[in-house]
Amino acid sequence: MNPSPGHCASPIPLDSNLHSPERHLIELKMEHADLDALIDRLGQETPLDELMMRRLKKRRLGLRDQISRLELALDPKEPA
C-alpha cells in the first residue's frame, strides 16, 4: 500500500532539534560558563594546581574558538 500524496512516509522525529547548530551553540556556551566558574573557584584554592589550571584554560579557549566559529556560521557578517 502506497502512502497518500499528503502523507509523509517517514515523519520527522520529535527530537530532531537536539542536534541543531543552535542547540550545540547553547551547549558550548554553557560548558564555557561552567569552566569559567570552575577556574575561578580553583584559582582561590591553595595550593594551586598549575597543570590543571593550564588544561582548563586551554579547554576554555578551545570552547571560545568553537563558539566563535559556530556563531559566524549561523550569522555570517555581510560585507560592508
N, C-alpha and C. Protein backbone atom coordinates (compact mmCIF):
# COMPACT_ATOMS: atom_id res chain seq x y z
N MET A 1 0.84 -1.19 0.00
CA MET A 1 0.00 0.00 0.00
C MET A 1 0.88 1.25 0.00
N ASN A 2 0.63 2.15 -0.93
CA ASN A 2 1.40 3.39 -1.03
C ASN A 2 0.77 4.46 -0.17
N PRO A 3 1.60 5.31 0.43
CA PRO A 3 1.04 6.40 1.24
C PRO A 3 0.30 7.40 0.35
N SER A 4 -0.68 8.05 0.91
CA SER A 4 -1.43 9.06 0.16
C SER A 4 -0.51 10.25 -0.11
N PRO A 5 -0.83 11.06 -1.13
CA PRO A 5 0.06 12.18 -1.51
C PRO A 5 0.35 13.14 -0.36
N GLY A 6 -0.56 13.35 0.54
CA GLY A 6 -0.34 14.29 1.64
C GLY A 6 0.31 13.65 2.85
N HIS A 7 0.55 12.36 2.80
CA HIS A 7 1.10 11.63 3.94
C HIS A 7 2.61 11.50 3.79
N CYS A 8 3.33 11.78 4.84
CA CYS A 8 4.79 11.66 4.84
C CYS A 8 5.16 10.24 5.22
N ALA A 9 5.95 9.56 4.38
CA ALA A 9 6.31 8.17 4.63
C ALA A 9 7.18 8.01 5.87
N SER A 10 8.10 8.97 6.12
CA SER A 10 8.94 8.90 7.31
C SER A 10 8.84 10.23 8.05
N PRO A 11 8.05 10.28 9.11
CA PRO A 11 7.88 11.54 9.84
C PRO A 11 9.18 11.99 10.49
N ILE A 12 9.33 13.29 10.65
CA ILE A 12 10.50 13.86 11.31
C ILE A 12 10.39 13.57 12.80
N PRO A 13 11.43 12.99 13.38
CA PRO A 13 11.36 12.68 14.81
C PRO A 13 11.23 13.95 15.65
N LEU A 14 10.54 13.82 16.76
CA LEU A 14 10.32 14.98 17.62
C LEU A 14 11.61 15.56 18.18
N ASP A 15 12.65 14.73 18.32
CA ASP A 15 13.91 15.21 18.89
C ASP A 15 14.90 15.66 17.82
N SER A 16 14.43 15.99 16.62
CA SER A 16 15.33 16.36 15.53
C SER A 16 16.11 17.62 15.84
N ASN A 17 15.60 18.50 16.69
CA ASN A 17 16.32 19.74 17.00
C ASN A 17 17.36 19.54 18.10
N LEU A 18 17.50 18.31 18.62
CA LEU A 18 18.51 18.05 19.65
C LEU A 18 19.92 18.20 19.10
N HIS A 19 20.07 18.08 17.80
CA HIS A 19 21.39 18.16 17.19
C HIS A 19 21.52 19.39 16.29
N SER A 20 20.69 20.38 16.50
CA SER A 20 20.73 21.58 15.68
C SER A 20 21.97 22.41 16.05
N PRO A 21 22.48 23.19 15.10
CA PRO A 21 23.62 24.05 15.40
C PRO A 21 23.32 25.05 16.52
N GLU A 22 22.09 25.52 16.58
CA GLU A 22 21.72 26.48 17.62
C GLU A 22 21.81 25.84 19.00
N ARG A 23 21.32 24.61 19.10
CA ARG A 23 21.39 23.90 20.39
C ARG A 23 22.84 23.61 20.77
N HIS A 24 23.64 23.22 19.77
CA HIS A 24 25.06 22.97 20.03
C HIS A 24 25.74 24.24 20.55
N LEU A 25 25.40 25.38 19.98
CA LEU A 25 25.95 26.65 20.42
C LEU A 25 25.60 26.92 21.88
N ILE A 26 24.35 26.68 22.24
CA ILE A 26 23.92 26.88 23.63
C ILE A 26 24.70 25.97 24.57
N GLU A 27 24.88 24.70 24.17
CA GLU A 27 25.62 23.76 25.00
C GLU A 27 27.07 24.18 25.17
N LEU A 28 27.70 24.68 24.10
CA LEU A 28 29.08 25.15 24.18
C LEU A 28 29.19 26.35 25.13
N LYS A 29 28.22 27.26 25.04
CA LYS A 29 28.24 28.43 25.92
C LYS A 29 28.06 28.03 27.38
N MET A 30 27.22 27.04 27.62
CA MET A 30 27.02 26.57 28.99
C MET A 30 28.29 25.92 29.52
N GLU A 31 28.94 25.11 28.70
CA GLU A 31 30.18 24.47 29.13
C GLU A 31 31.26 25.52 29.39
N HIS A 32 31.31 26.55 28.55
CA HIS A 32 32.29 27.64 28.74
C HIS A 32 32.03 28.36 30.06
N ALA A 33 30.78 28.64 30.36
CA ALA A 33 30.44 29.31 31.62
C ALA A 33 30.78 28.42 32.82
N ASP A 34 30.53 27.13 32.70
CA ASP A 34 30.89 26.19 33.78
C ASP A 34 32.39 26.19 34.01
N LEU A 35 33.16 26.19 32.92
CA LEU A 35 34.62 26.21 33.06
C LEU A 35 35.08 27.52 33.69
N ASP A 36 34.47 28.64 33.32
CA ASP A 36 34.79 29.92 33.94
C ASP A 36 34.62 29.85 35.45
N ALA A 37 33.48 29.32 35.88
CA ALA A 37 33.20 29.22 37.31
C ALA A 37 34.19 28.28 38.00
N LEU A 38 34.51 27.17 37.38
CA LEU A 38 35.45 26.22 37.96
C LEU A 38 36.84 26.82 38.08
N ILE A 39 37.28 27.52 37.04
CA ILE A 39 38.59 28.17 37.06
C ILE A 39 38.64 29.22 38.16
N ASP A 40 37.57 29.98 38.33
CA ASP A 40 37.52 30.98 39.40
C ASP A 40 37.64 30.32 40.77
N ARG A 41 36.87 29.23 40.98
CA ARG A 41 36.92 28.54 42.28
C ARG A 41 38.30 27.95 42.55
N LEU A 42 38.88 27.30 41.53
CA LEU A 42 40.19 26.68 41.72
C LEU A 42 41.28 27.73 41.93
N GLY A 43 41.10 28.89 41.34
CA GLY A 43 42.08 29.97 41.49
C GLY A 43 42.16 30.49 42.91
N GLN A 44 41.15 30.23 43.71
CA GLN A 44 41.13 30.69 45.10
C GLN A 44 41.69 29.65 46.06
N GLU A 45 41.94 28.44 45.57
CA GLU A 45 42.45 27.38 46.42
C GLU A 45 43.96 27.48 46.57
N THR A 46 44.44 26.97 47.70
CA THR A 46 45.87 26.89 47.92
C THR A 46 46.17 25.49 48.41
N PRO A 47 47.11 24.78 47.92
CA PRO A 47 47.99 25.16 46.80
C PRO A 47 47.26 25.04 45.46
N LEU A 48 47.71 25.81 44.53
CA LEU A 48 47.10 25.88 43.21
C LEU A 48 47.72 24.81 42.31
N ASP A 49 46.90 24.02 41.65
CA ASP A 49 47.38 23.00 40.71
C ASP A 49 47.55 23.68 39.34
N GLU A 50 48.77 24.12 39.08
CA GLU A 50 49.05 24.89 37.86
C GLU A 50 48.77 24.09 36.59
N LEU A 51 49.11 22.81 36.60
CA LEU A 51 48.89 21.99 35.40
C LEU A 51 47.41 21.88 35.09
N MET A 52 46.59 21.64 36.10
CA MET A 52 45.15 21.54 35.88
C MET A 52 44.59 22.88 35.41
N MET A 53 45.06 23.97 35.99
CA MET A 53 44.59 25.30 35.57
C MET A 53 44.92 25.56 34.10
N ARG A 54 46.14 25.20 33.71
CA ARG A 54 46.52 25.41 32.30
C ARG A 54 45.64 24.58 31.38
N ARG A 55 45.35 23.35 31.76
CA ARG A 55 44.50 22.49 30.93
C ARG A 55 43.08 23.03 30.85
N LEU A 56 42.55 23.48 31.97
CA LEU A 56 41.19 24.04 31.97
C LEU A 56 41.12 25.31 31.14
N LYS A 57 42.12 26.16 31.25
CA LYS A 57 42.13 27.41 30.48
C LYS A 57 42.28 27.13 28.99
N LYS A 58 43.07 26.10 28.65
CA LYS A 58 43.22 25.73 27.25
C LYS A 58 41.89 25.20 26.70
N ARG A 59 41.20 24.39 27.50
CA ARG A 59 39.89 23.87 27.09
C ARG A 59 38.89 25.01 26.92
N ARG A 60 38.93 25.97 27.86
CA ARG A 60 38.02 27.12 27.79
C ARG A 60 38.29 27.94 26.52
N LEU A 61 39.56 28.12 26.19
CA LEU A 61 39.91 28.86 24.98
C LEU A 61 39.45 28.12 23.73
N GLY A 62 39.59 26.79 23.73
CA GLY A 62 39.11 25.99 22.60
C GLY A 62 37.60 26.11 22.44
N LEU A 63 36.88 26.12 23.56
CA LEU A 63 35.43 26.30 23.50
C LEU A 63 35.08 27.67 22.94
N ARG A 64 35.82 28.68 23.38
CA ARG A 64 35.56 30.05 22.88
C ARG A 64 35.75 30.10 21.36
N ASP A 65 36.78 29.42 20.86
CA ASP A 65 37.02 29.37 19.41
C ASP A 65 35.87 28.65 18.70
N GLN A 66 35.42 27.52 19.27
CA GLN A 66 34.30 26.79 18.66
C GLN A 66 33.05 27.65 18.64
N ILE A 67 32.79 28.37 19.74
CA ILE A 67 31.62 29.24 19.83
C ILE A 67 31.69 30.31 18.75
N SER A 68 32.85 30.93 18.61
CA SER A 68 33.02 32.00 17.61
C SER A 68 32.78 31.48 16.20
N ARG A 69 33.35 30.30 15.89
CA ARG A 69 33.16 29.74 14.54
C ARG A 69 31.70 29.41 14.28
N LEU A 70 31.03 28.83 15.28
CA LEU A 70 29.63 28.46 15.10
C LEU A 70 28.75 29.69 14.98
N GLU A 71 29.03 30.72 15.78
CA GLU A 71 28.25 31.96 15.67
C GLU A 71 28.42 32.59 14.30
N LEU A 72 29.63 32.55 13.78
CA LEU A 72 29.88 33.11 12.44
C LEU A 72 29.16 32.29 11.37
N ALA A 73 29.15 30.98 11.53
CA ALA A 73 28.46 30.13 10.55
C ALA A 73 26.95 30.34 10.59
N LEU A 74 26.40 30.56 11.77
CA LEU A 74 24.96 30.75 11.91
C LEU A 74 24.51 32.15 11.48
N ASP A 75 25.39 33.13 11.67
CA ASP A 75 25.03 34.52 11.36
C ASP A 75 26.24 35.20 10.70
N PRO A 76 26.53 34.84 9.43
CA PRO A 76 27.70 35.42 8.78
C PRO A 76 27.57 36.93 8.62
N LYS A 77 28.68 37.60 8.83
CA LYS A 77 28.69 39.06 8.68
C LYS A 77 28.64 39.41 7.19
N GLU A 78 27.79 40.38 6.87
CA GLU A 78 27.71 40.82 5.47
C GLU A 78 28.82 41.81 5.19
N PRO A 79 29.38 41.75 3.99
CA PRO A 79 30.44 42.73 3.65
C PRO A 79 29.89 44.15 3.67
N ALA A 80 30.71 45.07 4.13
CA ALA A 80 30.29 46.47 4.24
C ALA A 80 30.27 47.16 2.90
